[in-house]
Amino acid sequence: MSHFYSNITLRGVGSENVLACLKEHGDIAYVSPAMKDAVVVFHEDLAGQEELAARLSLRLGCPALLAMVYGQSILLYQLYQSGRQIDAYVSSPHDDLELEHPAPPGDAAILCAAFQAERFERRVETILRKVTKPDQPYAYAINRHGELARALGLPLIAAGAGFEAIEMGELPQAPGFDSRLLIRTK
């Protein structure tokens, strides 16, 4: 399990379109096959994630959820629609995490609407607001990320996986997922 990772989940697009967009810009990434009407992108440049999520959202006309885990306990996300950031979240601010503004709280209604999961809004709200203690499920950001993906109907392979880990042979895991189907752009 990686202590730091990021990835982007795109809803309503095929992996072929995502690959074409990434190759057009020379991006180095792993791309999952479409699962649950979504594709997960594991990009190699951690510093360029926001720009990439915005670009993919705009170019492919789909919501893009950029999820990042910092340390073991902090989950951050940014949601993009039509190339614009429309929601953001930080599970718990940390002294080592540099934020320009107060930690964004996330908006369950916006997040659920983007992924057509409105009926799970209450569940998503609970996931976002749960306070963590060492013996509770969300003491680790990967658990919160996994529960959020499950509630939104997104692929579970996003929780816990990033480019660097994949490069080192730590492949995404989820029931029914064949990691041999990941495609690397370069």
C-alpha atoms as a PDB file:
ATOM      1  CA  MET A   1       0.000   0.000   0.000  1.00  0.00           C
ATOM      2  CA  SER A   2       1.440   3.343  -1.043  1.00  0.00           C
ATOM      3  CA  HIS A   3       1.572   6.255   1.400  1.00  0.00           C
ATOM      4  CA  PHE A   4       1.342   8.745  -1.471  1.00  0.00           C
ATOM      5  CA  TYR A   5      -0.594   8.221  -4.666  1.00  0.00           C
ATOM      6  CA  SER A   6      -2.858   9.971  -7.104  1.00  0.00           C
ATOM      7  CA  ASN A   7      -5.071   9.000  -9.980  1.00  0.00           C
ATOM      8  CA  ILE A   8      -7.904  10.375 -12.075  1.00  0.00           C
ATOM      9  CA  THR A   9     -11.218   8.603 -12.635  1.00  0.00           C
ATOM     10  CA  LEU A  10     -13.198   9.622 -15.712  1.00  0.00           C
ATOM     11  CA  ARG A  11     -16.852   8.654 -16.110  1.00  0.00           C
ATOM     12  CA  GLY A  12     -18.626   7.980 -19.413  1.00  0.00           C
ATOM     13  CA  VAL A  13     -15.638   7.614 -21.735  1.00  0.00           C
ATOM     14  CA  GLY A  14     -13.826   4.676 -23.274  1.00  0.00           C
ATOM     15  CA  SER A  15     -10.189   3.902 -22.649  1.00  0.00           C
ATOM     16  CA  GLU A  16      -9.401   4.381 -26.354  1.00  0.00           C
ATOM     17  CA  ASN A  17     -10.440   8.052 -26.206  1.00  0.00           C
ATOM     18  CA  VAL A  18      -8.472   8.598 -23.001  1.00  0.00           C
ATOM     19  CA  LEU A  19      -5.376   6.969 -24.490  1.00  0.00           C
ATOM     20  CA  ALA A  20      -5.636   9.091 -27.640  1.00  0.00           C
ATOM     21  CA  CYS A  21      -5.876  12.290 -25.589  1.00  0.00           C
ATOM     22  CA  LEU A  22      -2.907  11.326 -23.399  1.00  0.00           C
ATOM     23  CA  LYS A  23      -0.757  10.315 -26.377  1.00  0.00           C
ATOM     24  CA  GLU A  24      -1.616  13.547 -28.191  1.00  0.00           C
ATOM     25  CA  HIS A  25      -0.017  15.510 -25.349  1.00  0.00           C
ATOM     26  CA  GLY A  26       2.854  13.093 -24.746  1.00  0.00           C
ATOM     27  CA  ASP A  27       1.619  12.152 -21.267  1.00  0.00           C
ATOM     28  CA  ILE A  28       3.111   9.091 -19.614  1.00  0.00           C
ATOM     29  CA  ALA A  29       0.432   7.148 -17.753  1.00  0.00           C
ATOM     30  CA  TYR A  30      -1.239   3.826 -17.195  1.00  0.00           C
ATOM     31  CA  VAL A  31      -4.867   3.614 -18.293  1.00  0.00           C
ATOM     32  CA  SER A  32      -7.360   1.027 -17.119  1.00  0.00           C
ATOM     33  CA  PRO A  33      -9.941  -0.579 -19.342  1.00  0.00           C
ATOM     34  CA  ALA A  34     -13.451   0.827 -18.924  1.00  0.00           C
ATOM     35  CA  MET A  35     -15.084  -0.612 -15.809  1.00  0.00           C
ATOM     36  CA  LYS A  36     -18.440   0.501 -14.434  1.00  0.00           C
ATOM     37  CA  ASP A  37     -18.545   3.056 -17.284  1.00  0.00           C
ATOM     38  CA  ALA A  38     -15.337   4.643 -15.949  1.00  0.00           C
ATOM     39  CA  VAL A  39     -11.625   4.699 -16.769  1.00  0.00           C
ATOM     40  CA  VAL A  40      -8.825   5.274 -14.259  1.00  0.00           C
ATOM     41  CA  VAL A  41      -5.670   7.151 -15.281  1.00  0.00           C
ATOM     42  CA  PHE A  42      -2.464   6.717 -13.281  1.00  0.00           C
ATOM     43  CA  HIS A  43      -0.259   9.635 -14.420  1.00  0.00           C
ATOM     44  CA  GLU A  44       3.471   9.822 -13.783  1.00  0.00           C
ATOM     45  CA  ASP A  45       3.714  13.552 -13.011  1.00  0.00           C
ATOM     46  CA  LEU A  46       2.327  14.217  -9.526  1.00  0.00           C
ATOM     47  CA  ALA A  47       2.834  17.970  -9.989  1.00  0.00           C
ATOM     48  CA  GLY A  48       0.722  18.044 -13.162  1.00  0.00           C
ATOM     49  CA  GLN A  49      -2.348  16.160 -11.937  1.00  0.00           C
ATOM     50  CA  GLU A  50      -4.684  19.169 -11.651  1.00  0.00           C
ATOM     51  CA  GLU A  51      -3.903  20.429 -15.143  1.00  0.00           C
ATOM     52  CA  LEU A  52      -4.310  16.947 -16.579  1.00  0.00           C
ATOM     53  CA  ALA A  53      -7.655  16.331 -14.847  1.00  0.00           C
ATOM     54  CA  ALA A  54      -8.961  19.679 -16.109  1.00  0.00           C
ATOM     55  CA  ARG A  55      -7.727  18.988 -19.648  1.00  0.00           C
ATOM     56  CA  LEU A  56      -9.205  15.472 -19.783  1.00  0.00           C
ATOM     57  CA  SER A  57     -12.530  16.710 -18.417  1.00  0.00           C
ATOM     58  CA  LEU A  58     -12.717  19.483 -21.007  1.00  0.00           C
ATOM     59  CA  ARG A  59     -11.464  17.475 -23.967  1.00  0.00           C
ATOM     60  CA  LEU A  60     -13.503  14.343 -23.272  1.00  0.00           C
ATOM     61  CA  GLY A  61     -16.625  16.110 -21.964  1.00  0.00           C
ATOM     62  CA  CYS A  62     -16.803  14.085 -18.774  1.00  0.00           C
ATOM     63  CA  PRO A  63     -16.409  14.476 -15.020  1.00  0.00           C
ATOM     64  CA  ALA A  64     -12.865  13.862 -13.783  1.00  0.00           C
ATOM     65  CA  LEU A  65     -12.210  12.983 -10.157  1.00  0.00           C
ATOM     66  CA  LEU A  66      -8.603  13.564  -9.163  1.00  0.00           C
ATOM     67  CA  ALA A  67      -7.933  11.656  -5.940  1.00  0.00           C
ATOM     68  CA  MET A  68      -4.709  12.026  -3.976  1.00  0.00           C
ATOM     69  CA  VAL A  69      -3.555  10.379  -0.778  1.00  0.00           C
ATOM     70  CA  TYR A  70      -1.019  12.177   1.357  1.00  0.00           C
ATOM     71  CA  GLY A  71       0.670  10.147   4.058  1.00  0.00           C
ATOM     72  CA  GLN A  72      -1.578   7.359   5.194  1.00  0.00           C
ATOM     73  CA  SER A  73      -4.432   9.412   6.551  1.00  0.00           C
ATOM     74  CA  ILE A  74      -5.234  12.345   4.259  1.00  0.00           C
ATOM     75  CA  LEU A  75      -7.489  12.021   1.218  1.00  0.00           C
ATOM     76  CA  LEU A  76      -7.751  14.961  -1.120  1.00  0.00           C
ATOM     77  CA  TYR A  77      -9.946  15.174  -4.183  1.00  0.00           C
ATOM     78  CA  GLN A  78     -10.695  17.695  -6.869  1.00  0.00           C
ATOM     79  CA  LEU A  79     -13.666  17.280  -9.168  1.00  0.00           C
ATOM     80  CA  TYR A  80     -13.554  18.768 -12.659  1.00  0.00           C
ATOM     81  CA  GLN A  81     -16.401  19.279 -15.098  1.00  0.00           C
ATOM     82  CA  SER A  82     -15.962  20.928 -18.514  1.00  0.00           C
ATOM     83  CA  GLY A  83     -12.368  21.720 -17.559  1.00  0.00           C
ATOM     84  CA  ARG A  84     -13.303  23.641 -14.398  1.00  0.00           C
ATOM     85  CA  GLN A  85     -12.832  22.576 -10.810  1.00  0.00           C
ATOM     86  CA  ILE A  86     -16.327  22.402  -9.290  1.00  0.00           C
ATOM     87  CA  ASP A  87     -15.600  20.716  -5.965  1.00  0.00           C
ATOM     88  CA  ALA A  88     -12.668  19.919  -3.690  1.00  0.00           C
ATOM     89  CA  TYR A  89     -12.053  18.101  -0.437  1.00  0.00           C
ATOM     90  CA  VAL A  90      -9.356  17.485   2.147  1.00  0.00           C
ATOM     91  CA  SER A  91     -10.203  14.874   4.775  1.00  0.00           C
ATOM     92  CA  SER A  92      -8.051  16.386   7.507  1.00  0.00           C
ATOM     93  CA  PRO A  93      -5.569  19.227   7.276  1.00  0.00           C
ATOM     94  CA  HIS A  94      -2.022  18.414   8.306  1.00  0.00           C
ATOM     95  CA  ASP A  95       0.927  20.643   9.210  1.00  0.00           C
ATOM     96  CA  ASP A  96       3.039  19.250   6.359  1.00  0.00           C
ATOM     97  CA  LEU A  97       0.257  19.757   3.813  1.00  0.00           C
ATOM     98  CA  GLU A  98       0.548  23.213   2.293  1.00  0.00           C
ATOM     99  CA  LEU A  99      -2.886  24.674   1.552  1.00  0.00           C
ATOM    100  CA  GLU A 100      -3.405  28.214   0.269  1.00  0.00           C
ATOM    101  CA  HIS A 101      -6.902  28.408   1.790  1.00  0.00           C
ATOM    102  CA  PRO A 102      -8.811  26.573   4.540  1.00  0.00           C
ATOM    103  CA  ALA A 103      -9.271  22.872   3.806  1.00  0.00           C
ATOM    104  CA  PRO A 104     -12.122  22.450   1.311  1.00  0.00           C
ATOM    105  CA  PRO A 105     -14.972  20.400   2.825  1.00  0.00           C
ATOM    106  CA  GLY A 106     -16.258  18.721  -0.346  1.00  0.00           C
ATOM    107  CA  ASP A 107     -19.897  18.753  -1.391  1.00  0.00           C
ATOM    108  CA  ALA A 108     -21.638  15.374  -1.479  1.00  0.00           C
ATOM    109  CA  ALA A 109     -24.476  16.719  -3.661  1.00  0.00           C
ATOM    110  CA  ILE A 110     -22.110  18.032  -6.352  1.00  0.00           C
ATOM    111  CA  LEU A 111     -19.970  14.897  -6.252  1.00  0.00           C
ATOM    112  CA  CYS A 112     -22.962  12.551  -6.503  1.00  0.00           C
ATOM    113  CA  ALA A 113     -24.560  14.573  -9.310  1.00  0.00           C
ATOM    114  CA  ALA A 114     -21.361  14.418 -11.365  1.00  0.00           C
ATOM    115  CA  PHE A 115     -21.368  10.624 -11.220  1.00  0.00           C
ATOM    116  CA  GLN A 116     -25.141  10.125 -11.377  1.00  0.00           C
ATOM    117  CA  ALA A 117     -25.177   8.708  -7.847  1.00  0.00           C
ATOM    118  CA  GLU A 118     -27.669  11.116  -6.280  1.00  0.00           C
ATOM    119  CA  ARG A 119     -29.415   8.337  -4.390  1.00  0.00           C
ATOM    120  CA  PHE A 120     -26.199   7.751  -2.403  1.00  0.00           C
ATOM    121  CA  GLU A 121     -25.740  11.368  -1.336  1.00  0.00           C
ATOM    122  CA  ARG A 122     -26.321  10.627   2.358  1.00  0.00           C
ATOM    123  CA  ARG A 123     -23.759   7.792   2.250  1.00  0.00           C
ATOM    124  CA  VAL A 124     -21.196  10.011   0.503  1.00  0.00           C
ATOM    125  CA  GLU A 125     -21.793  12.755   3.073  1.00  0.00           C
ATOM    126  CA  THR A 126     -21.096  10.250   5.862  1.00  0.00           C
ATOM    127  CA  ILE A 127     -17.886   9.112   4.167  1.00  0.00           C
ATOM    128  CA  LEU A 128     -16.657  12.677   3.758  1.00  0.00           C
ATOM    129  CA  ARG A 129     -17.423  13.712   7.335  1.00  0.00           C
ATOM    130  CA  LYS A 130     -16.365  10.651   9.300  1.00  0.00           C
ATOM    131  CA  VAL A 131     -13.804  11.561  11.945  1.00  0.00           C
ATOM    132  CA  THR A 132     -10.996   9.064  12.144  1.00  0.00           C
ATOM    133  CA  LYS A 133      -9.473   7.257  15.066  1.00  0.00           C
ATOM    134  CA  PRO A 134      -6.703   4.658  14.778  1.00  0.00           C
ATOM    135  CA  ASP A 135      -9.086   1.715  15.241  1.00  0.00           C
ATOM    136  CA  GLN A 136     -11.775   2.952  12.805  1.00  0.00           C
ATOM    137  CA  PRO A 137     -11.997   2.119   9.088  1.00  0.00           C
ATOM    138  CA  TYR A 138     -11.052   5.599   7.886  1.00  0.00           C
ATOM    139  CA  ALA A 139      -7.844   5.875   9.876  1.00  0.00           C
ATOM    140  CA  TYR A 140      -6.300   5.164   6.478  1.00  0.00           C
ATOM    141  CA  ALA A 141      -7.131   7.356   3.514  1.00  0.00           C
ATOM    142  CA  ILE A 142      -7.168   4.337   1.198  1.00  0.00           C
ATOM    143  CA  ASN A 143     -10.229   3.041   3.095  1.00  0.00           C
ATOM    144  CA  ARG A 144     -12.076   6.355   2.752  1.00  0.00           C
ATOM    145  CA  HIS A 145     -11.129   6.496  -0.934  1.00  0.00           C
ATOM    146  CA  GLY A 146     -12.378   2.939  -1.496  1.00  0.00           C
ATOM    147  CA  GLU A 147     -15.685   3.598   0.244  1.00  0.00           C
ATOM    148  CA  LEU A 148     -16.133   6.806  -1.745  1.00  0.00           C
ATOM    149  CA  ALA A 149     -15.469   4.958  -5.020  1.00  0.00           C
ATOM    150  CA  ARG A 150     -17.918   2.221  -4.007  1.00  0.00           C
ATOM    151  CA  ALA A 151     -20.648   4.748  -3.098  1.00  0.00           C
ATOM    152  CA  LEU A 152     -20.188   6.624  -6.392  1.00  0.00           C
ATOM    153  CA  GLY A 153     -20.155   3.426  -8.445  1.00  0.00           C
ATOM    154  CA  LEU A 154     -16.556   3.939  -9.574  1.00  0.00           C
ATOM    155  CA  PRO A 155     -13.838   1.298 -10.058  1.00  0.00           C
ATOM    156  CA  LEU A 156     -12.243   0.192  -6.802  1.00  0.00           C
ATOM    157  CA  ILE A 157      -8.826  -0.111  -8.449  1.00  0.00           C
ATOM    158  CA  ALA A 158      -8.353   3.631  -7.910  1.00  0.00           C
ATOM    159  CA  ALA A 159      -8.118   3.202  -4.130  1.00  0.00           C
ATOM    160  CA  GLY A 160      -4.493   2.635  -3.219  1.00  0.00           C
ATOM    161  CA  ALA A 161      -2.907   2.750  -6.660  1.00  0.00           C
ATOM    162  CA  GLY A 162      -0.672   5.279  -8.349  1.00  0.00           C
ATOM    163  CA  PHE A 163       1.829   5.422 -11.195  1.00  0.00           C
ATOM    164  CA  GLU A 164       4.959   4.919  -9.102  1.00  0.00           C
ATOM    165  CA  ALA A 165       3.571   1.839  -7.341  1.00  0.00           C
ATOM    166  CA  ILE A 166       2.510   0.327 -10.671  1.00  0.00           C
ATOM    167  CA  GLU A 167       5.991   0.959 -12.063  1.00  0.00           C
ATOM    168  CA  MET A 168       7.423  -0.974  -9.084  1.00  0.00           C
ATOM    169  CA  GLY A 169       5.077  -3.890  -9.730  1.00  0.00           C
ATOM    170  CA  GLU A 170       2.409  -3.070  -7.122  1.00  0.00           C
ATOM    171  CA  LEU A 171      -0.586  -3.427  -9.396  1.00  0.00           C
ATOM    172  CA  PRO A 172      -4.112  -2.225  -8.635  1.00  0.00           C
ATOM    173  CA  GLN A 173      -6.271  -4.854  -6.963  1.00  0.00           C
ATOM    174  CA  ALA A 174     -10.038  -5.323  -7.086  1.00  0.00           C
ATOM    175  CA  PRO A 175     -12.351  -8.293  -7.510  1.00  0.00           C
ATOM    176  CA  GLY A 176     -12.624  -9.219 -11.186  1.00  0.00           C
ATOM    177  CA  PHE A 177      -9.868  -6.825 -12.318  1.00  0.00           C
ATOM    178  CA  ASP A 178      -7.082  -8.186 -14.517  1.00  0.00           C
ATOM    179  CA  SER A 179      -4.057  -5.904 -14.111  1.00  0.00           C
ATOM    180  CA  ARG A 180      -2.628  -7.202 -17.398  1.00  0.00           C
ATOM    181  CA  LEU A 181      -5.241  -5.011 -19.118  1.00  0.00           C
ATOM    182  CA  LEU A 182      -3.559  -1.780 -17.952  1.00  0.00           C
ATOM    183  CA  ILE A 183      -2.053   0.089 -20.898  1.00  0.00           C
ATOM    184  CA  ARG A 184       1.030   2.295 -20.556  1.00  0.00           C
ATOM    185  CA  THR A 185       1.154   5.237 -22.959  1.00  0.00           C
ATOM    186  CA  LYS A 186       4.942   5.245 -23.494  1.00  0.00           C
END
